[in-house]
C-alpha atoms as a PDB file:
ATOM      1  CA  UNK A   1    -181.375 -31.588 218.469  1.00  0.00           C
ATOM      2  CA  UNK A   2    -179.224 -34.587 217.643  1.00  0.00           C
ATOM      3  CA  UNK A   3    -176.832 -36.072 220.202  1.00  0.00           C
ATOM      4  CA  UNK A   4    -174.545 -38.973 219.408  1.00  0.00           C
ATOM      5  CA  UNK A   5    -171.713 -40.635 221.326  1.00  0.00           C
ATOM      6  CA  UNK A   6    -168.165 -40.313 220.033  1.00  0.00           C
ATOM      7  CA  UNK A   7    -168.227 -44.035 219.265  1.00  0.00           C
ATOM      8  CA  UNK A   8    -170.960 -43.385 216.674  1.00  0.00           C
ATOM      9  CA  UNK A   9    -168.735 -40.825 214.993  1.00  0.00           C
ATOM     10  CA  UNK A  10    -165.884 -43.306 214.975  1.00  0.00           C
ATOM     11  CA  UNK A  11    -167.954 -46.357 213.933  1.00  0.00           C
ATOM     12  CA  UNK A  12    -170.612 -44.760 211.707  1.00  0.00           C
ATOM     13  CA  UNK A  13    -169.093 -41.645 210.213  1.00  0.00           C
ATOM     14  CA  UNK A  14    -171.169 -41.998 207.055  1.00  0.00           C
ATOM     15  CA  UNK A  15    -174.415 -42.129 209.051  1.00  0.00           C
ATOM     16  CA  UNK A  16    -173.451 -39.082 211.121  1.00  0.00           C
ATOM     17  CA  UNK A  17    -172.436 -37.203 207.975  1.00  0.00           C
ATOM     18  CA  UNK A  18    -175.696 -38.053 206.206  1.00  0.00           C
ATOM     19  CA  UNK A  19    -177.720 -36.991 209.273  1.00  0.00           C
ATOM     20  CA  UNK A  20    -175.879 -33.671 209.388  1.00  0.00           C
ATOM     21  CA  UNK A  21    -176.509 -33.066 205.684  1.00  0.00           C
ATOM     22  CA  UNK A  22    -180.171 -34.086 205.744  1.00  0.00           C
ATOM     23  CA  UNK A  23    -181.084 -32.225 208.933  1.00  0.00           C
ATOM     24  CA  UNK A  24    -178.953 -29.127 208.353  1.00  0.00           C
ATOM     25  CA  UNK A  25    -178.495 -29.019 212.122  1.00  0.00           C
ATOM     26  CA  UNK A  26    -175.488 -29.536 214.350  1.00  0.00           C
ATOM     27  CA  UNK A  27    -174.902 -32.964 215.831  1.00  0.00           C
ATOM     28  CA  UNK A  28    -173.580 -32.841 219.369  1.00  0.00           C
ATOM     29  CA  UNK A  29    -170.929 -35.459 220.093  1.00  0.00           C
ATOM     30  CA  UNK A  30    -170.516 -36.759 223.637  1.00  0.00           C
ATOM     31  CA  UNK A  31    -167.643 -38.560 225.290  1.00  0.00           C
ATOM     32  CA  UNK A  32    -168.504 -40.589 228.400  1.00  0.00           C
ATOM     33  CA  UNK A  33    -171.849 -38.794 228.588  1.00  0.00           C
ATOM     34  CA  UNK A  34    -170.373 -35.288 228.543  1.00  0.00           C
ATOM     35  CA  UNK A  35    -170.492 -32.816 225.672  1.00  0.00           C
ATOM     36  CA  UNK A  36    -167.275 -32.980 223.668  1.00  0.00           C
ATOM     37  CA  UNK A  37    -167.784 -31.512 220.202  1.00  0.00           C
ATOM     38  CA  UNK A  38    -170.133 -30.520 217.427  1.00  0.00           C
ATOM     39  CA  UNK A  39    -170.357 -31.935 213.915  1.00  0.00           C
ATOM     40  CA  UNK A  40    -171.834 -29.801 211.102  1.00  0.00           C
ATOM     41  CA  UNK A  41    -172.203 -30.315 207.387  1.00  0.00           C
ATOM     42  CA  UNK A  42    -170.159 -27.902 205.288  1.00  0.00           C
ATOM     43  CA  UNK A  43    -173.347 -26.298 203.953  1.00  0.00           C
ATOM     44  CA  UNK A  44    -174.676 -25.653 207.468  1.00  0.00           C
ATOM     45  CA  UNK A  45    -171.312 -24.287 208.588  1.00  0.00           C
ATOM     46  CA  UNK A  46    -171.076 -21.929 205.600  1.00  0.00           C
ATOM     47  CA  UNK A  47    -174.644 -20.710 206.158  1.00  0.00           C
ATOM     48  CA  UNK A  48    -173.904 -19.954 209.811  1.00  0.00           C
ATOM     49  CA  UNK A  49    -170.737 -18.108 208.861  1.00  0.00           C
ATOM     50  CA  UNK A  50    -172.709 -16.059 206.313  1.00  0.00           C
ATOM     51  CA  UNK A  51    -175.268 -15.164 208.978  1.00  0.00           C
ATOM     52  CA  UNK A  52    -172.511 -14.136 211.400  1.00  0.00           C
ATOM     53  CA  UNK A  53    -170.866 -11.898 208.775  1.00  0.00           C
ATOM     54  CA  UNK A  54    -174.233 -10.290 207.996  1.00  0.00           C
ATOM     55  CA  UNK A  55    -174.951  -9.720 211.692  1.00  0.00           C
ATOM     56  CA  UNK A  56    -171.498  -8.133 212.117  1.00  0.00           C
ATOM     57  CA  UNK A  57    -172.230  -5.709 209.271  1.00  0.00           C
ATOM     58  CA  UNK A  58    -175.610  -4.762 210.721  1.00  0.00           C
ATOM     59  CA  UNK A  59    -174.010  -4.244 214.140  1.00  0.00           C
ATOM     60  CA  UNK A  60    -171.248  -2.068 212.650  1.00  0.00           C
ATOM     61  CA  UNK A  61    -173.806   0.039 210.767  1.00  0.00           C
ATOM     62  CA  UNK A  62    -175.885   0.519 213.908  1.00  0.00           C
ATOM     63  CA  UNK A  63    -172.815   1.507 215.934  1.00  0.00           C
ATOM     64  CA  UNK A  64    -171.882   3.973 213.205  1.00  0.00           C
ATOM     65  CA  UNK A  65    -175.366   5.468 213.329  1.00  0.00           C
ATOM     66  CA  UNK A  66    -175.295   5.713 217.126  1.00  0.00           C
ATOM     67  CA  UNK A  67    -171.898   7.436 216.956  1.00  0.00           C
ATOM     68  CA  UNK A  68    -173.444  10.193 214.858  1.00  0.00           C
ATOM     69  CA  UNK A  69    -172.045   9.260 211.471  1.00  0.00           C
ATOM     70  CA  UNK A  70    -174.134  10.637 208.596  1.00  0.00           C
ATOM     71  CA  UNK A  71    -176.984   8.474 207.363  1.00  0.00           C
ATOM     72  CA  UNK A  72    -179.030   8.512 204.164  1.00  0.00           C
ATOM     73  CA  UNK A  73    -182.768   8.469 203.762  1.00  0.00           C
ATOM     74  CA  UNK A  74    -184.206   5.862 201.409  1.00  0.00           C
ATOM     75  CA  UNK A  75    -184.783   8.581 198.829  1.00  0.00           C
ATOM     76  CA  UNK A  76    -181.161   9.773 199.040  1.00  0.00           C
ATOM     77  CA  UNK A  77    -179.914   6.216 198.707  1.00  0.00           C
ATOM     78  CA  UNK A  78    -182.162   5.582 195.700  1.00  0.00           C
ATOM     79  CA  UNK A  79    -180.879   8.766 194.008  1.00  0.00           C
ATOM     80  CA  UNK A  80    -177.245   7.780 194.587  1.00  0.00           C
ATOM     81  CA  UNK A  81    -177.841   4.294 193.251  1.00  0.00           C
ATOM     82  CA  UNK A  82    -179.519   5.715 190.132  1.00  0.00           C
ATOM     83  CA  UNK A  83    -176.453   7.923 189.555  1.00  0.00           C
ATOM     84  CA  UNK A  84    -174.163   4.907 189.839  1.00  0.00           C
ATOM     85  CA  UNK A  85    -176.307   2.853 187.445  1.00  0.00           C
ATOM     86  CA  UNK A  86    -176.483   5.682 184.930  1.00  0.00           C
ATOM     87  CA  UNK A  87    -172.701   6.198 185.062  1.00  0.00           C
ATOM     88  CA  UNK A  88    -172.132   2.470 184.592  1.00  0.00           C
ATOM     89  CA  UNK A  89    -174.468   2.293 181.564  1.00  0.00           C
ATOM     90  CA  UNK A  90    -172.680   5.167 179.797  1.00  0.00           C
END
């Protein structure tokens, strides 16, 4: 975990940015010793967003299953995918 004061963000933005990119982790910014914000590289932010979207889809699928919506076995899914591939190749 990386913690830096807000003055470091103000005075050494390039260093904070490089640390965020090289570590891939959030950098916690403090103001007067208290937590104030978080700095992330764009790549780390996008990866976290991707993970959140994936988790939301898994959660929605599980809720659907628990609500009694129909589910497919692996064999049924494979057969449907083969049909789609065959139709696309034609």
